[in-house]
Amino acid sequence: MKRLASVFLFLIMAALAFWGILHYARHLEAVKAEKKNPSEYVTVYTDMPNGMLEALSASFFKDTGLKINLVYLSSSQLLRADGGGEDNPPADLYITSQDGLMKLKKGELLTPYSSAQTDTALNLFKDEECYWTGLWVDPVVFAVNRDYADRHPAFSYTWNEVLTRNSVRLSMTDFMAADMAGDLLMCLVEHFGLEDTFRYLGIAQNHMVQYGKFLSTPSRMAGMGKCDIGISGLNEAVRSLKDKMPIRIMYPADGSPWYLFGAGISSRSQYPDRAKVLMDWLLTSSAYKKDMEENQYYYIYVNDYNLDPDSAGNSLDFWNLEKEYFDEGKKDLLTRWGEKIRFGGTNN
């Protein structure tokens, strides 16, 4: 009897294992078939952080009946016509940084598109030939330790004052640590000119507490009292505020550099009409702004960027930048900054 029971037990376990394998295989086939169903999906190629765009999928499906098929790629893969692999379906829409979109246009991977929604974006934040449109702007602001701000109510939050006043303890992300940080150096050079930018940064070196390795470092250091002012993207500064860190966000009185994320319709899209639906939906911030904020993304939307003045009474003012930065020029400027200032200065 014991041997018979063992046989029955083995047969039951084998049957369960077979059923599990069959069920899993059917599930994979269903997922594969669903992704290939052209009536339901819009395929997005992106190099944005994992988890960011997933938060929008449910709202987009509810509003349009379309699902978003996200294909995550590296920035270099994004610029390849095949998306880095034959297994990926053709892109309908690209979502990436402004720099990436400009390269996609140059590579003839985008097709022009304009609508009532794209027309609401400032010309500053879209391609003049309508090949791509910005979606989210992350301006550079000053994250100021609250005690420091209270002790210096008359402080003028200009770039000149912040970078050159030696009594101010500063923190900023190392320009070589992230694309967004490196972009700030390019913005400063475009706005102030090469000579004045390196003069400002050379003085700032003398009272720089720390160059951060991450975009979040400057605002968090200001919140912990380890510096007086952190030069930070607005997104990270708001995250620090949401984490109850004691900082005040101050807009530069003489204007802000900015980093832009946007979208462009693929020239190889099999379903461009669906890409247009998603593009226009993304330009309607009221449809998903809450989802973004619940997922801790606090960008400014290109068609909804009117903010209240900061506590010093300054309004957010964007620098008028063309951002025609070439890779070799970026590399040369970063190398020069590293050699002359970052590792050639007095403190760091």
Foldseek 3Di string as FASTA:
>chain_A
DVVVVVVVVVVVVVVVVVVVVVVVVVVVVVVVVVVVPPVAEAEEEEQDDPPQCVLCQVLLCVVPVHGYHYDHDHLVLVLDQCSVDVVDDGHFKYWYWPVSLVSNVVSVFFDADDDPLQVLFPPLAADPRRQWGFWFKWWKWKWFFQVLCVVCVPDAQALQSQQQVQVFAEEEAQLPLDVVSLVVLVVLCQVVNDVVSLVSLQNSLNRYQYHDNDQLPQNVCNLVVVGGIYTHTPLSNVVCVVVVRRIFIAAHQVATEMITIIMGGTPPDPCNVVVVSVRSVSSVCVSCVVSSVVVSGDTATSNHRFDAHTPSRGGHHHDSDPPPDDPVNSVVSSVCCCVCHVVNHDPD
